[in-house]
Every structure is written in structure tokens, then in C-alpha cells.
Amino acid sequence: MEHNPVEIWERSTSVIRTAMNALKLDAADLVSGAARGRLHQVEEGRVAHP
């Protein structure tokens, strides 16, 4: 069975877009969430060099 990378990409982005729309999120929410997670790791000492 061959895998079509374009089809995988299109399906993946469609699923992500649908989920984000359902939760009323945009890309900025993901970036700020990732930044908060990184800051939390630094505060707990799990990341040596922020």
C-alpha cells in the first residue's frame, strides 16, 4: 500500500482546522500555549537553559 504524502498532509490539516474551529482557537492560541508550557518547564527546573 502506497501512502500519498499530499493526501496525508491535507487530511491532517483538515482535522486540525476542524478541531481548532470547534474550540474557537487560532494559531496565536497554540503559540501562546506552547510558550506557557516552556515557561512552566523552566520554572520547575526541567529545562536547564531557557
N, C-alpha and C. Protein backbone atom coordinates (compact mmCIF):
# COMPACT_ATOMS: atom_id res chain seq x y z
N MET A 1 0.84 -1.17 0.00
CA MET A 1 0.00 0.00 0.00
C MET A 1 0.89 1.24 0.00
N GLU A 2 0.66 2.11 -0.95
CA GLU A 2 1.42 3.36 -1.02
C GLU A 2 0.73 4.43 -0.20
N HIS A 3 1.53 5.32 0.37
CA HIS A 3 1.00 6.44 1.12
C HIS A 3 1.25 7.71 0.33
N ASN A 4 0.23 8.49 0.16
CA ASN A 4 0.34 9.74 -0.57
C ASN A 4 0.58 10.86 0.44
N PRO A 5 1.78 11.43 0.46
CA PRO A 5 2.09 12.45 1.46
C PRO A 5 1.20 13.68 1.35
N VAL A 6 0.80 14.04 0.16
CA VAL A 6 -0.07 15.20 -0.02
C VAL A 6 -1.44 14.92 0.60
N GLU A 7 -1.96 13.73 0.38
CA GLU A 7 -3.25 13.35 0.96
C GLU A 7 -3.17 13.33 2.49
N ILE A 8 -2.08 12.79 3.02
CA ILE A 8 -1.89 12.76 4.48
C ILE A 8 -1.85 14.18 5.03
N TRP A 9 -1.10 15.06 4.37
CA TRP A 9 -0.99 16.45 4.81
C TRP A 9 -2.36 17.13 4.78
N GLU A 10 -3.07 16.99 3.69
CA GLU A 10 -4.38 17.64 3.54
C GLU A 10 -5.37 17.13 4.59
N ARG A 11 -5.38 15.84 4.82
CA ARG A 11 -6.29 15.27 5.81
C ARG A 11 -5.92 15.73 7.22
N SER A 12 -4.64 15.74 7.52
CA SER A 12 -4.18 16.18 8.84
C SER A 12 -4.54 17.63 9.11
N THR A 13 -4.27 18.50 8.15
CA THR A 13 -4.59 19.91 8.35
C THR A 13 -6.09 20.12 8.45
N SER A 14 -6.87 19.34 7.72
CA SER A 14 -8.33 19.45 7.80
C SER A 14 -8.83 19.07 9.19
N VAL A 15 -8.31 18.00 9.74
CA VAL A 15 -8.71 17.55 11.08
C VAL A 15 -8.31 18.60 12.13
N ILE A 16 -7.09 19.12 12.02
CA ILE A 16 -6.62 20.12 12.98
C ILE A 16 -7.47 21.39 12.87
N ARG A 17 -7.73 21.83 11.64
CA ARG A 17 -8.53 23.03 11.43
C ARG A 17 -9.93 22.86 12.01
N THR A 18 -10.54 21.69 11.81
CA THR A 18 -11.88 21.42 12.33
C THR A 18 -11.88 21.46 13.87
N ALA A 19 -10.88 20.84 14.47
CA ALA A 19 -10.79 20.84 15.93
C ALA A 19 -10.57 22.24 16.48
N MET A 20 -9.69 23.00 15.85
CA MET A 20 -9.43 24.36 16.31
C MET A 20 -10.67 25.24 16.17
N ASN A 21 -11.40 25.08 15.07
CA ASN A 21 -12.63 25.86 14.89
C ASN A 21 -13.66 25.50 15.95
N ALA A 22 -13.78 24.22 16.26
CA ALA A 22 -14.75 23.78 17.26
C ALA A 22 -14.43 24.37 18.63
N LEU A 23 -13.13 24.55 18.91
CA LEU A 23 -12.70 25.10 20.19
C LEU A 23 -12.51 26.62 20.15
N LYS A 24 -12.79 27.20 18.98
CA LYS A 24 -12.62 28.64 18.76
C LYS A 24 -11.19 29.10 19.06
N LEU A 25 -10.24 28.35 18.52
CA LEU A 25 -8.82 28.66 18.67
C LEU A 25 -8.24 29.13 17.35
N ASP A 26 -7.16 29.91 17.43
CA ASP A 26 -6.41 30.24 16.23
C ASP A 26 -4.93 29.96 16.48
N ALA A 27 -4.10 30.21 15.49
CA ALA A 27 -2.67 29.87 15.60
C ALA A 27 -2.01 30.57 16.78
N ALA A 28 -2.42 31.79 17.07
CA ALA A 28 -1.83 32.54 18.20
C ALA A 28 -2.08 31.81 19.52
N ASP A 29 -3.23 31.16 19.64
CA ASP A 29 -3.52 30.40 20.87
C ASP A 29 -2.54 29.25 21.03
N LEU A 30 -2.18 28.61 19.94
CA LEU A 30 -1.24 27.49 20.01
C LEU A 30 0.15 27.97 20.38
N VAL A 31 0.57 29.07 19.81
CA VAL A 31 1.90 29.61 20.09
C VAL A 31 1.98 30.06 21.54
N SER A 32 0.96 30.77 22.02
CA SER A 32 1.00 31.24 23.41
C SER A 32 0.93 30.06 24.37
N GLY A 33 0.19 29.02 24.02
CA GLY A 33 0.11 27.83 24.86
C GLY A 33 1.45 27.12 24.95
N ALA A 34 2.14 27.04 23.81
CA ALA A 34 3.47 26.41 23.80
C ALA A 34 4.44 27.23 24.63
N ALA A 35 4.35 28.55 24.54
CA ALA A 35 5.23 29.41 25.31
C ALA A 35 4.96 29.23 26.81
N ARG A 36 3.72 29.12 27.19
CA ARG A 36 3.39 28.91 28.60
C ARG A 36 3.96 27.57 29.09
N GLY A 37 3.86 26.54 28.28
CA GLY A 37 4.40 25.24 28.65
C GLY A 37 5.90 25.30 28.82
N ARG A 38 6.57 26.00 27.95
CA ARG A 38 8.03 26.16 28.01
C ARG A 38 8.41 26.92 29.28
N LEU A 39 7.70 28.00 29.57
CA LEU A 39 7.99 28.79 30.77
C LEU A 39 7.78 27.94 32.02
N HIS A 40 6.73 27.14 32.04
CA HIS A 40 6.45 26.28 33.18
C HIS A 40 7.60 25.29 33.40
N GLN A 41 8.13 24.73 32.31
CA GLN A 41 9.25 23.80 32.43
C GLN A 41 10.48 24.50 33.00
N VAL A 42 10.73 25.73 32.58
CA VAL A 42 11.88 26.48 33.07
C VAL A 42 11.71 26.76 34.56
N GLU A 43 10.51 27.18 34.94
CA GLU A 43 10.23 27.49 36.35
C GLU A 43 10.41 26.27 37.24
N GLU A 44 10.10 25.10 36.73
CA GLU A 44 10.24 23.88 37.52
C GLU A 44 11.65 23.30 37.46
N GLY A 45 12.51 23.91 36.69
CA GLY A 45 13.89 23.45 36.60
C GLY A 45 14.07 22.25 35.68
N ARG A 46 13.05 21.94 34.86
CA ARG A 46 13.18 20.80 33.95
C ARG A 46 13.95 21.17 32.70
N VAL A 47 14.12 22.45 32.44
CA VAL A 47 14.89 22.90 31.29
C VAL A 47 16.08 23.69 31.82
N ALA A 48 17.25 23.24 31.50
CA ALA A 48 18.46 23.85 32.06
C ALA A 48 18.71 25.25 31.50
N HIS A 49 18.51 25.41 30.20
CA HIS A 49 18.80 26.70 29.56
C HIS A 49 17.58 27.18 28.79
N PRO A 50 16.87 28.16 29.33
CA PRO A 50 15.66 28.66 28.64
C PRO A 50 15.96 29.32 27.32
